[in-house]
C-alpha atoms as a PDB file:
ATOM      1  CA  UNK A   1       0.000   0.000   0.000  1.00  0.00           C
ATOM      2  CA  UNK A   2       2.857   2.376   0.791  1.00  0.00           C
ATOM      3  CA  UNK A   3       4.423   1.606  -2.599  1.00  0.00           C
ATOM      4  CA  UNK A   4       1.143   2.341  -4.353  1.00  0.00           C
ATOM      5  CA  UNK A   5       0.750   5.646  -2.539  1.00  0.00           C
ATOM      6  CA  UNK A   6       4.360   6.570  -3.264  1.00  0.00           C
ATOM      7  CA  UNK A   7       3.952   5.683  -6.952  1.00  0.00           C
ATOM      8  CA  UNK A   8       0.775   7.749  -7.171  1.00  0.00           C
ATOM      9  CA  UNK A   9       2.484  10.708  -5.522  1.00  0.00           C
ATOM     10  CA  UNK A  10       5.449  10.452  -7.912  1.00  0.00           C
ATOM     11  CA  UNK A  11       3.088  10.392 -10.910  1.00  0.00           C
ATOM     12  CA  UNK A  12       1.331  13.515  -9.663  1.00  0.00           C
ATOM     13  CA  UNK A  13       4.615  15.331  -9.111  1.00  0.00           C
ATOM     14  CA  UNK A  14       5.890  14.327 -12.554  1.00  0.00           C
ATOM     15  CA  UNK A  15       2.718  15.426 -14.370  1.00  0.00           C
ATOM     16  CA  UNK A  16       3.244  18.486 -16.554  1.00  0.00           C
ATOM     17  CA  UNK A  17       1.663  21.705 -15.349  1.00  0.00           C
ATOM     18  CA  UNK A  18      -0.719  23.016 -17.959  1.00  0.00           C
ATOM     19  CA  UNK A  19      -2.970  26.013 -17.888  1.00  0.00           C
ATOM     20  CA  UNK A  20      -6.620  25.962 -18.768  1.00  0.00           C
ATOM     21  CA  UNK A  21      -7.880  27.228 -22.118  1.00  0.00           C
ATOM     22  CA  UNK A  22     -11.475  28.356 -22.567  1.00  0.00           C
ATOM     23  CA  UNK A  23     -13.587  29.608 -25.466  1.00  0.00           C
ATOM     24  CA  UNK A  24     -14.625  33.246 -25.115  1.00  0.00           C
ATOM     25  CA  UNK A  25     -17.476  34.633 -27.218  1.00  0.00           C
ATOM     26  CA  UNK A  26     -16.301  36.593 -30.282  1.00  0.00           C
ATOM     27  CA  UNK A  27     -12.660  36.005 -29.322  1.00  0.00           C
ATOM     28  CA  UNK A  28     -11.942  32.306 -29.516  1.00  0.00           C
ATOM     29  CA  UNK A  29      -9.553  30.363 -27.317  1.00  0.00           C
ATOM     30  CA  UNK A  30      -8.006  32.145 -24.325  1.00  0.00           C
ATOM     31  CA  UNK A  31      -5.262  30.662 -22.162  1.00  0.00           C
ATOM     32  CA  UNK A  32      -6.017  31.430 -18.504  1.00  0.00           C
ATOM     33  CA  UNK A  33      -2.383  31.032 -17.425  1.00  0.00           C
ATOM     34  CA  UNK A  34      -2.051  34.714 -16.468  1.00  0.00           C
ATOM     35  CA  UNK A  35      -5.506  35.044 -14.927  1.00  0.00           C
ATOM     36  CA  UNK A  36      -6.688  34.787 -11.341  1.00  0.00           C
ATOM     37  CA  UNK A  37      -9.886  32.729 -11.588  1.00  0.00           C
ATOM     38  CA  UNK A  38     -12.545  32.194  -8.962  1.00  0.00           C
ATOM     39  CA  UNK A  39     -15.594  29.990  -9.063  1.00  0.00           C
ATOM     40  CA  UNK A  40     -18.606  31.944  -7.847  1.00  0.00           C
ATOM     41  CA  UNK A  41     -21.121  30.151  -5.629  1.00  0.00           C
ATOM     42  CA  UNK A  42     -23.047  33.089  -4.174  1.00  0.00           C
ATOM     43  CA  UNK A  43     -24.509  34.472  -7.412  1.00  0.00           C
ATOM     44  CA  UNK A  44     -27.343  33.232  -9.583  1.00  0.00           C
ATOM     45  CA  UNK A  45     -25.942  35.269 -12.496  1.00  0.00           C
ATOM     46  CA  UNK A  46     -22.178  34.659 -12.434  1.00  0.00           C
ATOM     47  CA  UNK A  47     -20.556  31.233 -12.245  1.00  0.00           C
ATOM     48  CA  UNK A  48     -16.890  32.183 -12.623  1.00  0.00           C
ATOM     49  CA  UNK A  49     -14.722  35.289 -12.888  1.00  0.00           C
ATOM     50  CA  UNK A  50     -11.143  35.442 -14.193  1.00  0.00           C
ATOM     51  CA  UNK A  51      -9.047  38.602 -14.035  1.00  0.00           C
ATOM     52  CA  UNK A  52      -5.629  39.498 -15.428  1.00  0.00           C
ATOM     53  CA  UNK A  53      -4.547  42.537 -13.389  1.00  0.00           C
ATOM     54  CA  UNK A  54      -1.546  43.372 -15.585  1.00  0.00           C
ATOM     55  CA  UNK A  55      -3.685  43.621 -18.715  1.00  0.00           C
ATOM     56  CA  UNK A  56      -6.837  44.817 -16.881  1.00  0.00           C
ATOM     57  CA  UNK A  57      -8.801  42.075 -18.607  1.00  0.00           C
ATOM     58  CA  UNK A  58     -11.871  40.341 -17.152  1.00  0.00           C
ATOM     59  CA  UNK A  59     -13.499  37.128 -18.331  1.00  0.00           C
ATOM     60  CA  UNK A  60     -16.854  36.181 -16.826  1.00  0.00           C
ATOM     61  CA  UNK A  61     -18.973  33.034 -17.150  1.00  0.00           C
ATOM     62  CA  UNK A  62     -22.677  33.828 -17.269  1.00  0.00           C
ATOM     63  CA  UNK A  63     -24.983  30.850 -17.790  1.00  0.00           C
ATOM     64  CA  UNK A  64     -21.981  28.794 -18.895  1.00  0.00           C
ATOM     65  CA  UNK A  65     -20.893  31.227 -21.615  1.00  0.00           C
ATOM     66  CA  UNK A  66     -17.673  33.198 -21.238  1.00  0.00           C
ATOM     67  CA  UNK A  67     -17.515  36.855 -22.221  1.00  0.00           C
ATOM     68  CA  UNK A  68     -14.719  39.411 -22.020  1.00  0.00           C
ATOM     69  CA  UNK A  69     -14.317  42.926 -20.670  1.00  0.00           C
ATOM     70  CA  UNK A  70     -11.312  45.153 -21.367  1.00  0.00           C
ATOM     71  CA  UNK A  71      -9.507  47.918 -19.491  1.00  0.00           C
ATOM     72  CA  UNK A  72     -11.331  47.052 -16.265  1.00  0.00           C
ATOM     73  CA  UNK A  73      -9.621  48.594 -13.212  1.00  0.00           C
ATOM     74  CA  UNK A  74      -8.578  46.259 -10.426  1.00  0.00           C
ATOM     75  CA  UNK A  75     -10.688  48.299  -7.992  1.00  0.00           C
ATOM     76  CA  UNK A  76     -13.777  47.464 -10.064  1.00  0.00           C
ATOM     77  CA  UNK A  77     -12.862  43.779  -9.998  1.00  0.00           C
ATOM     78  CA  UNK A  78     -12.386  43.931  -6.217  1.00  0.00           C
ATOM     79  CA  UNK A  79     -15.745  45.706  -5.860  1.00  0.00           C
ATOM     80  CA  UNK A  80     -17.406  42.970  -7.924  1.00  0.00           C
ATOM     81  CA  UNK A  81     -16.027  40.281  -5.622  1.00  0.00           C
ATOM     82  CA  UNK A  82     -17.196  42.054  -2.453  1.00  0.00           C
ATOM     83  CA  UNK A  83     -20.545  43.371  -3.699  1.00  0.00           C
ATOM     84  CA  UNK A  84     -23.613  42.248  -1.710  1.00  0.00           C
ATOM     85  CA  UNK A  85     -25.126  41.179  -5.051  1.00  0.00           C
ATOM     86  CA  UNK A  86     -22.466  40.267  -7.584  1.00  0.00           C
ATOM     87  CA  UNK A  87     -25.054  39.928 -10.360  1.00  0.00           C
ATOM     88  CA  UNK A  88     -26.513  43.393  -9.769  1.00  0.00           C
ATOM     89  CA  UNK A  89     -23.049  44.955  -9.545  1.00  0.00           C
ATOM     90  CA  UNK A  90     -21.983  43.195 -12.743  1.00  0.00           C
ATOM     91  CA  UNK A  91     -25.105  44.249 -14.648  1.00  0.00           C
ATOM     92  CA  UNK A  92     -24.990  47.871 -13.452  1.00  0.00           C
ATOM     93  CA  UNK A  93     -21.262  48.569 -13.544  1.00  0.00           C
ATOM     94  CA  UNK A  94     -19.553  46.189 -15.951  1.00  0.00           C
ATOM     95  CA  UNK A  95     -21.641  44.484 -18.594  1.00  0.00           C
ATOM     96  CA  UNK A  96     -24.054  47.158 -19.724  1.00  0.00           C
ATOM     97  CA  UNK A  97     -25.404  46.886 -23.217  1.00  0.00           C
ATOM     98  CA  UNK A  98     -23.160  46.528 -26.216  1.00  0.00           C
ATOM     99  CA  UNK A  99     -20.831  49.494 -26.234  1.00  0.00           C
ATOM    100  CA  UNK A 100     -20.591  49.652 -22.413  1.00  0.00           C
ATOM    101  CA  UNK A 101     -17.536  51.149 -20.708  1.00  0.00           C
ATOM    102  CA  UNK A 102     -15.569  47.885 -20.713  1.00  0.00           C
ATOM    103  CA  UNK A 103     -16.704  46.562 -24.108  1.00  0.00           C
ATOM    104  CA  UNK A 104     -13.554  45.168 -25.740  1.00  0.00           C
ATOM    105  CA  UNK A 105     -14.574  46.585 -29.104  1.00  0.00           C
ATOM    106  CA  UNK A 106     -13.951  50.023 -27.629  1.00  0.00           C
ATOM    107  CA  UNK A 107     -10.497  49.048 -26.375  1.00  0.00           C
ATOM    108  CA  UNK A 108      -7.516  47.326 -27.913  1.00  0.00           C
ATOM    109  CA  UNK A 109      -7.622  43.608 -27.143  1.00  0.00           C
ATOM    110  CA  UNK A 110      -4.938  42.023 -24.962  1.00  0.00           C
END
């Protein structure tokens, strides 16, 4: 049993580290290697948020579909995470309609 556990541990340690790639609407494949991602359990709107602070780039899963937001300040991301209602904060301050303040079509893409 000890040999089996040791072999399993060695296999896990030898496994290559790979980052996750997701499909983002109107963008295609995005490697999440530089993103901080969090699964969201306290919102009926958002399931997951991923943020790249260096590029100020947010990816959000809503109803299982990923979308992107550009030039989003880290303070706005922090406010999203601590908002009493993440869904309301997201809808009022981030997503907006097409052409909203963080619409990637208005900004250069990372």
